Amino acid sequence: QAGGSLRLSCEASGYKFSAYAMAWFRRTPGREREFVASMYWNGAN
């Protein structure tokens, strides 16, 4: 419901996860995929 919370996770495999930035995007029907958030390899930015 509106006002609530959720926590998404993304488990990675097949490469050195700690060496690459990661991001979250989202898409709703009929719209382009849009940026949500990103983070550097070390969590600094």
PDB file of all heavy atoms in Angstrom:
ATOM      1  N   GLN A   1       0.839  -1.197   0.000  1.00  0.00           N
ATOM      2  CA  GLN A   1       0.000   0.000   0.000  1.00  0.00           C
ATOM      3  C   GLN A   1       0.878   1.252   0.000  1.00  0.00           C
ATOM      4  O   GLN A   1       2.030   1.227   0.446  1.00  0.00           O
ATOM      5  CB  GLN A   1      -0.908  -0.005   1.226  1.00  0.00           C
ATOM      6  CG  GLN A   1      -2.026  -1.030   1.138  1.00  0.00           C
ATOM      7  CD  GLN A   1      -3.110  -0.777   2.168  1.00  0.00           C
ATOM      8  OE1 GLN A   1      -2.820  -0.432   3.314  1.00  0.00           O
ATOM      9  NE2 GLN A   1      -4.361  -0.948   1.762  1.00  0.00           N
ATOM     10  N   ALA A   2       0.302   2.327  -0.485  1.00  0.00           N
ATOM     11  CA  ALA A   2       1.016   3.599  -0.493  1.00  0.00           C
ATOM     12  C   ALA A   2       1.496   3.937   0.919  1.00  0.00           C
ATOM     13  O   ALA A   2       0.782   3.728   1.895  1.00  0.00           O
ATOM     14  CB  ALA A   2       0.111   4.701  -1.016  1.00  0.00           C
ATOM     15  N   GLY A   3       2.715   4.431   0.984  1.00  0.00           N
ATOM     16  CA  GLY A   3       3.337   4.739   2.261  1.00  0.00           C
ATOM     17  C   GLY A   3       4.170   3.604   2.815  1.00  0.00           C
ATOM     18  O   GLY A   3       4.915   3.796   3.783  1.00  0.00           O
ATOM     19  N   GLY A   4       4.042   2.432   2.219  1.00  0.00           N
ATOM     20  CA  GLY A   4       4.772   1.269   2.683  1.00  0.00           C
ATOM     21  C   GLY A   4       6.189   1.207   2.155  1.00  0.00           C
ATOM     22  O   GLY A   4       6.665   2.123   1.480  1.00  0.00           O
ATOM     23  N   SER A   5       6.853   0.100   2.471  1.00  0.00           N
ATOM     24  CA  SER A   5       8.256  -0.093   2.108  1.00  0.00           C
ATOM     25  C   SER A   5       8.472  -1.471   1.503  1.00  0.00           C
ATOM     26  O   SER A   5       7.742  -2.426   1.803  1.00  0.00           O
ATOM     27  CB  SER A   5       9.152   0.043   3.350  1.00  0.00           C
ATOM     28  OG  SER A   5       9.040   1.315   3.933  1.00  0.00           O
ATOM     29  N   LEU A   6       9.488  -1.533   0.672  1.00  0.00           N
ATOM     30  CA  LEU A   6       9.955  -2.805   0.118  1.00  0.00           C
ATOM     31  C   LEU A   6      11.466  -2.716  -0.031  1.00  0.00           C
ATOM     32  O   LEU A   6      12.018  -1.624  -0.233  1.00  0.00           O
ATOM     33  CB  LEU A   6       9.344  -3.081  -1.261  1.00  0.00           C
ATOM     34  CG  LEU A   6       7.927  -3.641  -1.345  1.00  0.00           C
ATOM     35  CD1 LEU A   6       7.478  -3.707  -2.793  1.00  0.00           C
ATOM     36  CD2 LEU A   6       7.822  -4.992  -0.676  1.00  0.00           C
ATOM     37  N   ARG A   7      12.117  -3.868   0.020  1.00  0.00           N
ATOM     38  CA  ARG A   7      13.554  -3.931  -0.216  1.00  0.00           C
ATOM     39  C   ARG A   7      13.827  -4.922  -1.341  1.00  0.00           C
ATOM     40  O   ARG A   7      13.489  -6.108  -1.217  1.00  0.00           O
ATOM     41  CB  ARG A   7      14.295  -4.370   1.039  1.00  0.00           C
ATOM     42  CG  ARG A   7      15.807  -4.293   0.919  1.00  0.00           C
ATOM     43  CD  ARG A   7      16.462  -5.073   2.041  1.00  0.00           C
ATOM     44  NE  ARG A   7      17.857  -4.723   2.239  1.00  0.00           N
ATOM     45  CZ  ARG A   7      18.751  -5.525   2.824  1.00  0.00           C
ATOM     46  NH1 ARG A   7      18.373  -6.710   3.280  1.00  0.00           N
ATOM     47  NH2 ARG A   7      19.995  -5.130   2.976  1.00  0.00           N
ATOM     48  N   LEU A   8      14.393  -4.409  -2.402  1.00  0.00           N
ATOM     49  CA  LEU A   8      14.769  -5.256  -3.525  1.00  0.00           C
ATOM     50  C   LEU A   8      16.228  -5.674  -3.379  1.00  0.00           C
ATOM     51  O   LEU A   8      17.051  -4.917  -2.861  1.00  0.00           O
ATOM     52  CB  LEU A   8      14.593  -4.510  -4.840  1.00  0.00           C
ATOM     53  CG  LEU A   8      13.219  -3.893  -5.110  1.00  0.00           C
ATOM     54  CD1 LEU A   8      13.208  -3.252  -6.496  1.00  0.00           C
ATOM     55  CD2 LEU A   8      12.121  -4.912  -4.965  1.00  0.00           C
ATOM     56  N   SER A   9      16.529  -6.856  -3.858  1.00  0.00           N
ATOM     57  CA  SER A   9      17.918  -7.310  -3.895  1.00  0.00           C
ATOM     58  C   SER A   9      18.259  -7.761  -5.303  1.00  0.00           C
ATOM     59  O   SER A   9      17.385  -8.149  -6.079  1.00  0.00           O
ATOM     60  CB  SER A   9      18.155  -8.446  -2.897  1.00  0.00           C
ATOM     61  OG  SER A   9      17.403  -9.591  -3.261  1.00  0.00           O
ATOM     62  N   CYS A  10      19.543  -7.705  -5.610  1.00  0.00           N
ATOM     63  CA  CYS A  10      20.055  -8.113  -6.918  1.00  0.00           C
ATOM     64  C   CYS A  10      21.311  -8.922  -6.680  1.00  0.00           C
ATOM     65  O   CYS A  10      22.359  -8.354  -6.328  1.00  0.00           O
ATOM     66  CB  CYS A  10      20.339  -6.896  -7.774  1.00  0.00           C
ATOM     67  SG  CYS A  10      21.215  -7.262  -9.323  1.00  0.00           S
ATOM     68  N   GLU A  11      21.209 -10.210  -6.844  1.00  0.00           N
ATOM     69  CA  GLU A  11      22.358 -11.089  -6.656  1.00  0.00           C
ATOM     70  C   GLU A  11      23.083 -11.267  -7.978  1.00  0.00           C
ATOM     71  O   GLU A  11      22.471 -11.629  -8.990  1.00  0.00           O
ATOM     72  CB  GLU A  11      21.914 -12.439  -6.104  1.00  0.00           C
ATOM     73  CG  GLU A  11      23.070 -13.362  -5.762  1.00  0.00           C
ATOM     74  CD  GLU A  11      22.605 -14.647  -5.104  1.00  0.00           C
ATOM     75  OE1 GLU A  11      21.430 -14.724  -4.701  1.00  0.00           O
ATOM     76  OE2 GLU A  11      23.423 -15.576  -5.024  1.00  0.00           O
ATOM     77  N   ALA A  12      24.396 -11.012  -7.957  1.00  0.00           N
ATOM     78  CA  ALA A  12      25.198 -11.062  -9.167  1.00  0.00           C
ATOM     79  C   ALA A  12      26.124 -12.273  -9.158  1.00  0.00           C
ATOM     80  O   ALA A  12      26.605 -12.696  -8.103  1.00  0.00           O
ATOM     81  CB  ALA A  12      26.017  -9.787  -9.312  1.00  0.00           C
ATOM     82  N   SER A  13      26.391 -12.805 -10.335  1.00  0.00           N
ATOM     83  CA  SER A  13      27.344 -13.903 -10.471  1.00  0.00           C
ATOM     84  C   SER A  13      27.981 -13.845 -11.846  1.00  0.00           C
ATOM     85  O   SER A  13      27.463 -13.200 -12.758  1.00  0.00           O
ATOM     86  CB  SER A  13      26.652 -15.252 -10.249  1.00  0.00           C
ATOM     87  OG  SER A  13      25.654 -15.462 -11.227  1.00  0.00           O
ATOM     88  N   GLY A  14      29.136 -14.521 -11.975  1.00  0.00           N
ATOM     89  CA  GLY A  14      29.788 -14.629 -13.272  1.00  0.00           C
ATOM     90  C   GLY A  14      30.796 -13.546 -13.583  1.00  0.00           C
ATOM     91  O   GLY A  14      31.345 -13.522 -14.684  1.00  0.00           O
ATOM     92  N   TYR A  15      31.022 -12.633 -12.632  1.00  0.00           N
ATOM     93  CA  TYR A  15      32.022 -11.595 -12.836  1.00  0.00           C
ATOM     94  C   TYR A  15      32.445 -11.070 -11.468  1.00  0.00           C
ATOM     95  O   TYR A  15      31.851 -11.428 -10.450  1.00  0.00           O
ATOM     96  CB  TYR A  15      31.485 -10.470 -13.717  1.00  0.00           C
ATOM     97  CG  TYR A  15      30.436  -9.594 -13.051  1.00  0.00           C
ATOM     98  CD1 TYR A  15      30.766  -8.342 -12.554  1.00  0.00           C
ATOM     99  CD2 TYR A  15      29.116 -10.021 -12.920  1.00  0.00           C
ATOM    100  CE1 TYR A  15      29.824  -7.542 -11.947  1.00  0.00           C
ATOM    101  CE2 TYR A  15      28.159  -9.224 -12.310  1.00  0.00           C
ATOM    102  CZ  TYR A  15      28.519  -7.984 -11.828  1.00  0.00           C
ATOM    103  OH  TYR A  15      27.571  -7.187 -11.220  1.00  0.00           O
ATOM    104  N   LYS A  16      33.468 -10.197 -11.453  1.00  0.00           N
ATOM    105  CA  LYS A  16      33.942  -9.635 -10.207  1.00  0.00           C
ATOM    106  C   LYS A  16      33.045  -8.474  -9.798  1.00  0.00           C
ATOM    107  O   LYS A  16      33.246  -7.315 -10.207  1.00  0.00           O
ATOM    108  CB  LYS A  16      35.386  -9.164 -10.355  1.00  0.00           C
ATOM    109  CG  LYS A  16      36.014  -8.746  -9.038  1.00  0.00           C
ATOM    110  CD  LYS A  16      37.470  -8.379  -9.208  1.00  0.00           C
ATOM    111  CE  LYS A  16      38.082  -7.982  -7.865  1.00  0.00           C
ATOM    112  NZ  LYS A  16      39.500  -7.588  -8.004  1.00  0.00           N
ATOM    113  N   PHE A  17      32.046  -8.788  -8.996  1.00  0.00           N
ATOM    114  CA  PHE A  17      31.015  -7.817  -8.610  1.00  0.00           C
ATOM    115  C   PHE A  17      31.609  -6.541  -8.034  1.00  0.00           C
ATOM    116  O   PHE A  17      31.149  -5.443  -8.331  1.00  0.00           O
ATOM    117  CB  PHE A  17      30.079  -8.479  -7.591  1.00  0.00           C
ATOM    118  CG  PHE A  17      29.003  -7.586  -7.059  1.00  0.00           C
ATOM    119  CD1 PHE A  17      27.883  -7.304  -7.826  1.00  0.00           C
ATOM    120  CD2 PHE A  17      29.095  -7.041  -5.786  1.00  0.00           C
ATOM    121  CE1 PHE A  17      26.877  -6.484  -7.332  1.00  0.00           C
ATOM    122  CE2 PHE A  17      28.094  -6.230  -5.281  1.00  0.00           C
ATOM    123  CZ  PHE A  17      26.988  -5.955  -6.058  1.00  0.00           C
ATOM    124  N   SER A  18      32.640  -6.676  -7.192  1.00  0.00           N
ATOM    125  CA  SER A  18      33.184  -5.528  -6.477  1.00  0.00           C
ATOM    126  C   SER A  18      33.899  -4.530  -7.381  1.00  0.00           C
ATOM    127  O   SER A  18      34.277  -3.456  -6.921  1.00  0.00           O
ATOM    128  CB  SER A  18      34.150  -6.011  -5.387  1.00  0.00           C
ATOM    129  OG  SER A  18      35.212  -6.753  -5.956  1.00  0.00           O
ATOM    130  N   ALA A  19      34.091  -4.857  -8.649  1.00  0.00           N
ATOM    131  CA  ALA A  19      34.849  -3.988  -9.546  1.00  0.00           C
ATOM    132  C   ALA A  19      33.980  -3.093 -10.416  1.00  0.00           C
ATOM    133  O   ALA A  19      34.508  -2.277 -11.179  1.00  0.00           O
ATOM    134  CB  ALA A  19      35.762  -4.834 -10.449  1.00  0.00           C
ATOM    135  N   TYR A  20      32.674  -3.191 -10.302  1.00  0.00           N
ATOM    136  CA  TYR A  20      31.777  -2.476 -11.204  1.00  0.00           C
ATOM    137  C   TYR A  20      30.682  -1.742 -10.457  1.00  0.00           C
ATOM    138  O   TYR A  20      30.152  -2.227  -9.447  1.00  0.00           O
ATOM    139  CB  TYR A  20      31.136  -3.446 -12.190  1.00  0.00           C
ATOM    140  CG  TYR A  20      32.139  -4.089 -13.117  1.00  0.00           C
ATOM    141  CD1 TYR A  20      32.776  -5.269 -12.753  1.00  0.00           C
ATOM    142  CD2 TYR A  20      32.458  -3.500 -14.332  1.00  0.00           C
ATOM    143  CE1 TYR A  20      33.714  -5.854 -13.595  1.00  0.00           C
ATOM    144  CE2 TYR A  20      33.393  -4.076 -15.176  1.00  0.00           C
ATOM    145  CZ  TYR A  20      34.024  -5.252 -14.800  1.00  0.00           C
ATOM    146  OH  TYR A  20      34.945  -5.824 -15.629  1.00  0.00           O
ATOM    147  N   ALA A  21      30.341  -0.578 -11.001  1.00  0.00           N
ATOM    148  CA  ALA A  21      29.173   0.138 -10.481  1.00  0.00           C
ATOM    149  C   ALA A  21      27.909  -0.662 -10.796  1.00  0.00           C
ATOM    150  O   ALA A  21      27.889  -1.482 -11.719  1.00  0.00           O
ATOM    151  CB  ALA A  21      29.096   1.530 -11.109  1.00  0.00           C
ATOM    152  N   MET A  22      26.870  -0.397 -10.009  1.00  0.00           N
ATOM    153  CA  MET A  22      25.579  -1.051 -10.209  1.00  0.00           C
ATOM    154  C   MET A  22      24.482   0.009 -10.217  1.00  0.00           C
ATOM    155  O   MET A  22      24.651   1.107  -9.684  1.00  0.00           O
ATOM    156  CB  MET A  22      25.295  -2.047  -9.083  1.00  0.00           C
ATOM    157  CG  MET A  22      26.210  -3.254  -9.061  1.00  0.00           C
ATOM    158  SD  MET A  22      25.969  -4.332 -10.479  1.00  0.00           S
ATOM    159  CE  MET A  22      24.306  -4.948 -10.195  1.00  0.00           C
ATOM    160  N   ALA A  23      23.361  -0.348 -10.788  1.00  0.00           N
ATOM    161  CA  ALA A  23      22.255   0.603 -10.842  1.00  0.00           C
ATOM    162  C   ALA A  23      20.921  -0.114 -10.812  1.00  0.00           C
ATOM    163  O   ALA A  23      20.841  -1.317 -11.054  1.00  0.00           O
ATOM    164  CB  ALA A  23      22.339   1.451 -12.102  1.00  0.00           C
ATOM    165  N   TRP A  24      19.903   0.653 -10.512  1.00  0.00           N
ATOM    166  CA  TRP A  24      18.511   0.210 -10.602  1.00  0.00           C
ATOM    167  C   TRP A  24      17.795   1.135 -11.588  1.00  0.00           C
ATOM    168  O   TRP A  24      17.949   2.351 -11.547  1.00  0.00           O
ATOM    169  CB  TRP A  24      17.818   0.271  -9.250  1.00  0.00           C
ATOM    170  CG  TRP A  24      18.310  -0.763  -8.275  1.00  0.00           C
ATOM    171  CD1 TRP A  24      19.307  -0.619  -7.356  1.00  0.00           C
ATOM    172  CD2 TRP A  24      17.804  -2.095  -8.123  1.00  0.00           C
ATOM    173  NE1 TRP A  24      19.467  -1.784  -6.646  1.00  0.00           N
ATOM    174  CE2 TRP A  24      18.549  -2.709  -7.087  1.00  0.00           C
ATOM    175  CE3 TRP A  24      16.796  -2.843  -8.739  1.00  0.00           C
ATOM    176  CZ2 TRP A  24      18.321  -4.017  -6.663  1.00  0.00           C
ATOM    177  CZ3 TRP A  24      16.571  -4.140  -8.321  1.00  0.00           C
ATOM    178  CH2 TRP A  24      17.331  -4.719  -7.297  1.00  0.00           C
ATOM    179  N   PHE A  25      17.011   0.525 -12.451  1.00  0.00           N
ATOM    180  CA  PHE A  25      16.125   1.231 -13.373  1.00  0.00           C
ATOM    181  C   PHE A  25      14.728   0.667 -13.172  1.00  0.00           C
ATOM    182  O   PHE A  25      14.541  -0.375 -12.536  1.00  0.00           O
ATOM    183  CB  PHE A  25      16.568   0.993 -14.824  1.00  0.00           C
ATOM    184  CG  PHE A  25      17.793   1.754 -15.237  1.00  0.00           C
ATOM    185  CD1 PHE A  25      19.057   1.390 -14.781  1.00  0.00           C
ATOM    186  CD2 PHE A  25      17.700   2.831 -16.111  1.00  0.00           C
ATOM    187  CE1 PHE A  25      20.193   2.084 -15.162  1.00  0.00           C
ATOM    188  CE2 PHE A  25      18.824   3.534 -16.504  1.00  0.00           C
ATOM    189  CZ  PHE A  25      20.070   3.158 -16.027  1.00  0.00           C
ATOM    190  N   ARG A  26      13.749   1.332 -13.763  1.00  0.00           N
ATOM    191  CA  ARG A  26      12.380   0.812 -13.721  1.00  0.00           C
ATOM    192  C   ARG A  26      11.660   1.149 -15.013  1.00  0.00           C
ATOM    193  O   ARG A  26      12.009   2.103 -15.707  1.00  0.00           O
ATOM    194  CB  ARG A  26      11.625   1.367 -12.512  1.00  0.00           C
ATOM    195  CG  ARG A  26      11.311   2.859 -12.588  1.00  0.00           C
ATOM    196  CD  ARG A  26      10.704   3.333 -11.268  1.00  0.00           C
ATOM    197  NE  ARG A  26      10.270   4.725 -11.355  1.00  0.00           N
ATOM    198  CZ  ARG A  26       9.825   5.425 -10.313  1.00  0.00           C
ATOM    199  NH1 ARG A  26       9.752   4.863  -9.105  1.00  0.00           N
ATOM    200  NH2 ARG A  26       9.444   6.685 -10.481  1.00  0.00           N
ATOM    201  N   ARG A  27      10.619   0.364 -15.286  1.00  0.00           N
ATOM    202  CA  ARG A  27       9.812   0.621 -16.480  1.00  0.00           C
ATOM    203  C   ARG A  27       8.358   0.327 -16.175  1.00  0.00           C
ATOM    204  O   ARG A  27       8.024  -0.701 -15.572  1.00  0.00           O
ATOM    205  CB  ARG A  27      10.288  -0.240 -17.646  1.00  0.00           C
ATOM    206  CG  ARG A  27       9.444  -0.085 -18.904  1.00  0.00           C
ATOM    207  CD  ARG A  27      10.179  -0.468 -20.126  1.00  0.00           C
ATOM    208  NE  ARG A  27      10.698  -1.827 -20.078  1.00  0.00           N
ATOM    209  CZ  ARG A  27      11.629  -2.288 -20.900  1.00  0.00           C
ATOM    210  NH1 ARG A  27      12.160  -1.512 -21.811  1.00  0.00           N
ATOM    211  NH2 ARG A  27      12.039  -3.523 -20.795  1.00  0.00           N
ATOM    212  N   THR A  28       7.518   1.234 -16.622  1.00  0.00           N
ATOM    213  CA  THR A  28       6.075   1.028 -16.564  1.00  0.00           C
ATOM    214  C   THR A  28       5.577   0.810 -17.983  1.00  0.00           C
ATOM    215  O   THR A  28       6.201   1.283 -18.938  1.00  0.00           O
ATOM    216  CB  THR A  28       5.358   2.229 -15.920  1.00  0.00           C
ATOM    217  OG1 THR A  28       5.735   3.415 -16.643  1.00  0.00           O
ATOM    218  CG2 THR A  28       5.770   2.372 -14.469  1.00  0.00           C
ATOM    219  N   PRO A  29       4.462   0.102 -18.158  1.00  0.00           N
ATOM    220  CA  PRO A  29       3.952  -0.178 -19.502  1.00  0.00           C
ATOM    221  C   PRO A  29       3.763   1.094 -20.304  1.00  0.00           C
ATOM    222  O   PRO A  29       3.219   2.083 -19.812  1.00  0.00           O
ATOM    223  CB  PRO A  29       2.620  -0.889 -19.226  1.00  0.00           C
ATOM    224  CG  PRO A  29       2.813  -1.516 -17.896  1.00  0.00           C
ATOM    225  CD  PRO A  29       3.661  -0.558 -17.119  1.00  0.00           C
ATOM    226  N   GLY A  30       4.246   1.083 -21.526  1.00  0.00           N
ATOM    227  CA  GLY A  30       4.066   2.223 -22.395  1.00  0.00           C
ATOM    228  C   GLY A  30       5.079   3.335 -22.219  1.00  0.00           C
ATOM    229  O   GLY A  30       5.018   4.351 -22.899  1.00  0.00           O
ATOM    230  N   ARG A  31       6.033   3.134 -21.302  1.00  0.00           N
ATOM    231  CA  ARG A  31       7.042   4.164 -21.062  1.00  0.00           C
ATOM    232  C   ARG A  31       8.429   3.583 -21.229  1.00  0.00           C
ATOM    233  O   ARG A  31       8.648   2.380 -21.120  1.00  0.00           O
ATOM    234  CB  ARG A  31       6.889   4.742 -19.657  1.00  0.00           C
ATOM    235  CG  ARG A  31       5.564   5.451 -19.428  1.00  0.00           C
ATOM    236  CD  ARG A  31       5.504   6.109 -18.081  1.00  0.00           C
ATOM    237  NE  ARG A  31       6.548   7.145 -17.943  1.00  0.00           N
ATOM    238  CZ  ARG A  31       6.678   7.903 -16.859  1.00  0.00           C
ATOM    239  NH1 ARG A  31       5.864   7.750 -15.844  1.00  0.00           N
ATOM    240  NH2 ARG A  31       7.623   8.806 -16.789  1.00  0.00           N
ATOM    241  N   GLU A  32       9.373   4.477 -21.458  1.00  0.00           N
ATOM    242  CA  GLU A  32      10.766   4.073 -21.535  1.00  0.00           C
ATOM    243  C   GLU A  32      11.267   3.668 -20.153  1.00  0.00           C
ATOM    244  O   GLU A  32      10.777   4.141 -19.128  1.00  0.00           O
ATOM    245  CB  GLU A  32      11.621   5.248 -22.038  1.00  0.00           C
ATOM    246  CG  GLU A  32      11.298   5.716 -23.447  1.00  0.00           C
ATOM    247  CD  GLU A  32      11.745   4.715 -24.492  1.00  0.00           C
ATOM    248  OE1 GLU A  32      12.809   4.100 -24.291  1.00  0.00           O
ATOM    249  OE2 GLU A  32      11.030   4.544 -25.481  1.00  0.00           O
ATOM    250  N   ARG A  33      12.269   2.811 -20.171  1.00  0.00           N
ATOM    251  CA  ARG A  33      12.897   2.461 -18.898  1.00  0.00           C
ATOM    252  C   ARG A  33      13.601   3.705 -18.350  1.00  0.00           C
ATOM    253  O   ARG A  33      14.264   4.427 -19.100  1.00  0.00           O
ATOM    254  CB  ARG A  33      13.880   1.306 -19.105  1.00  0.00           C
ATOM    255  CG  ARG A  33      14.446   0.748 -17.830  1.00  0.00           C
ATOM    256  CD  ARG A  33      14.936  -0.687 -17.995  1.00  0.00           C
ATOM    257  NE  ARG A  33      15.794  -0.884 -19.156  1.00  0.00           N
ATOM    258  CZ  ARG A  33      16.212  -2.085 -19.564  1.00  0.00           C
ATOM    259  NH1 ARG A  33      15.831  -3.170 -18.915  1.00  0.00           N
ATOM    260  NH2 ARG A  33      16.997  -2.186 -20.614  1.00  0.00           N
ATOM    261  N   GLU A  34      13.466   3.938 -17.049  1.00  0.00           N
ATOM    262  CA  GLU A  34      14.037   5.152 -16.476  1.00  0.00           C
ATOM    263  C   GLU A  34      14.971   4.832 -15.325  1.00  0.00           C
ATOM    264  O   GLU A  34      14.797   3.843 -14.603  1.00  0.00           O
ATOM    265  CB  GLU A  34      12.928   6.103 -15.990  1.00  0.00           C
ATOM    266  CG  GLU A  34      12.031   5.545 -14.919  1.00  0.00           C
ATOM    267  CD  GLU A  34      10.913   6.513 -14.533  1.00  0.00           C
ATOM    268  OE1 GLU A  34      10.687   7.518 -15.259  1.00  0.00           O
ATOM    269  OE2 GLU A  34      10.259   6.269 -13.516  1.00  0.00           O
ATOM    270  N   PHE A  35      15.938   5.698 -15.164  1.00  0.00           N
ATOM    271  CA  PHE A  35      16.942   5.558 -14.113  1.00  0.00           C
ATOM    272  C   PHE A  35      16.321   5.769 -12.747  1.00  0.00           C
ATOM    273  O   PHE A  35      15.471   6.643 -12.560  1.00  0.00           O
ATOM    274  CB  PHE A  35      18.044   6.594 -14.358  1.00  0.00           C
ATOM    275  CG  PHE A  35      19.044   6.711 -13.247  1.00  0.00           C
ATOM    276  CD1 PHE A  35      20.057   5.781 -13.100  1.00  0.00           C
ATOM    277  CD2 PHE A  35      18.980   7.764 -12.346  1.00  0.00           C
ATOM    278  CE1 PHE A  35      20.988   5.897 -12.079  1.00  0.00           C
ATOM    279  CE2 PHE A  35      19.906   7.892 -11.326  1.00  0.00           C
ATOM    280  CZ  PHE A  35      20.904   6.956 -11.185  1.00  0.00           C
ATOM    281  N   VAL A  36      16.771   4.976 -11.787  1.00  0.00           N
ATOM    282  CA  VAL A  36      16.330   5.129 -10.400  1.00  0.00           C
ATOM    283  C   VAL A  36      17.493   5.520  -9.499  1.00  0.00           C
ATOM    284  O   VAL A  36      17.461   6.541  -8.818  1.00  0.00           O
ATOM    285  CB  VAL A  36      15.675   3.836  -9.881  1.00  0.00           C
ATOM    286  CG1 VAL A  36      15.338   3.952  -8.399  1.00  0.00           C
ATOM    287  CG2 VAL A  36      14.421   3.506 -10.691  1.00  0.00           C
ATOM    288  N   ALA A  37      18.542   4.694  -9.494  1.00  0.00           N
ATOM    289  CA  ALA A  37      19.679   4.963  -8.610  1.00  0.00           C
ATOM    290  C   ALA A  37      20.894   4.188  -9.089  1.00  0.00           C
ATOM    291  O   ALA A  37      20.751   3.143  -9.739  1.00  0.00           O
ATOM    292  CB  ALA A  37      19.354   4.583  -7.172  1.00  0.00           C
ATOM    293  N   SER A  38      22.080   4.679  -8.733  1.00  0.00           N
ATOM    294  CA  SER A  38      23.316   3.962  -9.066  1.00  0.00           C
ATOM    295  C   SER A  38      24.321   4.127  -7.942  1.00  0.00           C
ATOM    296  O   SER A  38      24.228   5.059  -7.135  1.00  0.00           O
ATOM    297  CB  SER A  38      23.905   4.474 -10.378  1.00  0.00           C
ATOM    298  OG  SER A  38      24.270   5.832 -10.256  1.00  0.00           O
ATOM    299  N   MET A  39      25.292   3.236  -7.914  1.00  0.00           N
ATOM    300  CA  MET A  39      26.309   3.282  -6.865  1.00  0.00           C
ATOM    301  C   MET A  39      27.637   2.793  -7.422  1.00  0.00           C
ATOM    302  O   MET A  39      27.690   1.820  -8.172  1.00  0.00           O
ATOM    303  CB  MET A  39      25.886   2.419  -5.671  1.00  0.00           C
ATOM    304  CG  MET A  39      26.914   2.277  -4.581  1.00  0.00           C
ATOM    305  SD  MET A  39      26.239   1.584  -3.067  1.00  0.00           S
ATOM    306  CE  MET A  39      25.651   3.107  -2.299  1.00  0.00           C
ATOM    307  N   TYR A  40      28.713   3.485  -7.026  1.00  0.00           N
ATOM    308  CA  TYR A  40      30.060   3.101  -7.427  1.00  0.00           C
ATOM    309  C   TYR A  40      30.426   1.700  -6.922  1.00  0.00           C
ATOM    310  O   TYR A  40      29.800   1.162  -6.011  1.00  0.00           O
ATOM    311  CB  TYR A  40      31.069   4.084  -6.846  1.00  0.00           C
ATOM    312  CG  TYR A  40      31.355   5.285  -7.705  1.00  0.00           C
ATOM    313  CD1 TYR A  40      30.449   5.754  -8.632  1.00  0.00           C
ATOM    314  CD2 TYR A  40      32.551   5.993  -7.563  1.00  0.00           C
ATOM    315  CE1 TYR A  40      30.719   6.873  -9.396  1.00  0.00           C
ATOM    316  CE2 TYR A  40      32.838   7.110  -8.321  1.00  0.00           C
ATOM    317  CZ  TYR A  40      31.913   7.549  -9.236  1.00  0.00           C
ATOM    318  OH  TYR A  40      32.188   8.662  -9.981  1.00  0.00           O
ATOM    319  N   TRP A  41      31.501   1.177  -7.479  1.00  0.00           N
ATOM    320  CA  TRP A  41      31.997  -0.146  -7.117  1.00  0.00           C
ATOM    321  C   TRP A  41      32.216  -0.310  -5.620  1.00  0.00           C
ATOM    322  O   TRP A  41      31.980  -1.386  -5.061  1.00  0.00           O
ATOM    323  CB  TRP A  41      33.320  -0.418  -7.851  1.00  0.00           C
ATOM    324  CG  TRP A  41      34.429   0.491  -7.413  1.00  0.00           C
ATOM    325  CD1 TRP A  41      34.633   1.801  -7.772  1.00  0.00           C
ATOM    326  CD2 TRP A  41      35.469   0.182  -6.485  1.00  0.00           C
ATOM    327  NE1 TRP A  41      35.733   2.314  -7.150  1.00  0.00           N
ATOM    328  CE2 TRP A  41      36.273   1.364  -6.351  1.00  0.00           C
ATOM    329  CE3 TRP A  41      35.816  -0.946  -5.768  1.00  0.00           C
ATOM    330  CZ2 TRP A  41      37.398   1.395  -5.520  1.00  0.00           C
ATOM    331  CZ3 TRP A  41      36.928  -0.917  -4.941  1.00  0.00           C
ATOM    332  CH2 TRP A  41      37.698   0.246  -4.826  1.00  0.00           C
ATOM    333  N   ASN A  42      32.646   0.751  -4.955  1.00  0.00           N
ATOM    334  CA  ASN A  42      32.998   0.654  -3.538  1.00  0.00           C
ATOM    335  C   ASN A  42      31.960   1.295  -2.628  1.00  0.00           C
ATOM    336  O   ASN A  42      32.187   1.448  -1.439  1.00  0.00           O
ATOM    337  CB  ASN A  42      34.349   1.313  -3.298  1.00  0.00           C
ATOM    338  CG  ASN A  42      34.340   2.780  -3.687  1.00  0.00           C
ATOM    339  OD1 ASN A  42      33.348   3.297  -4.184  1.00  0.00           O
ATOM    340  ND2 ASN A  42      35.457   3.454  -3.463  1.00  0.00           N
ATOM    341  N   GLY A  43      30.825   1.686  -3.197  1.00  0.00           N
ATOM    342  CA  GLY A  43      29.778   2.297  -2.390  1.00  0.00           C
ATOM    343  C   GLY A  43      30.030   3.737  -2.011  1.00  0.00           C
ATOM    344  O   GLY A  43      29.258   4.322  -1.255  1.00  0.00           O
ATOM    345  N   ALA A  44      31.080   4.328  -2.558  1.00  0.00           N
ATOM    346  CA  ALA A  44      31.446   5.682  -2.155  1.00  0.00           C
ATOM    347  C   ALA A  44      30.525   6.742  -2.729  1.00  0.00           C
ATOM    348  O   ALA A  44      30.310   7.776  -2.108  1.00  0.00           O
ATOM    349  CB  ALA A  44      32.888   5.956  -2.580  1.00  0.00           C
ATOM    350  N   ASN A  45      30.005   6.552  -3.897  1.00  0.00           N
ATOM    351  CA  ASN A  45      29.131   7.538  -4.544  1.00  0.00           C
ATOM    352  C   ASN A  45      27.809   6.885  -4.915  1.00  0.00           C
ATOM    353  O   ASN A  45      27.784   5.785  -5.460  1.00  0.00           O
ATOM    354  CB  ASN A  45      29.781   8.093  -5.801  1.00  0.00           C
ATOM    355  CG  ASN A  45      30.961   8.979  -5.491  1.00  0.00           C
ATOM    356  OD1 ASN A  45      31.891   8.564  -4.817  1.00  0.00           O
ATOM    357  ND2 ASN A  45      30.931  10.208  -5.964  1.00  0.00           N
TER     358      ASN A  45
END
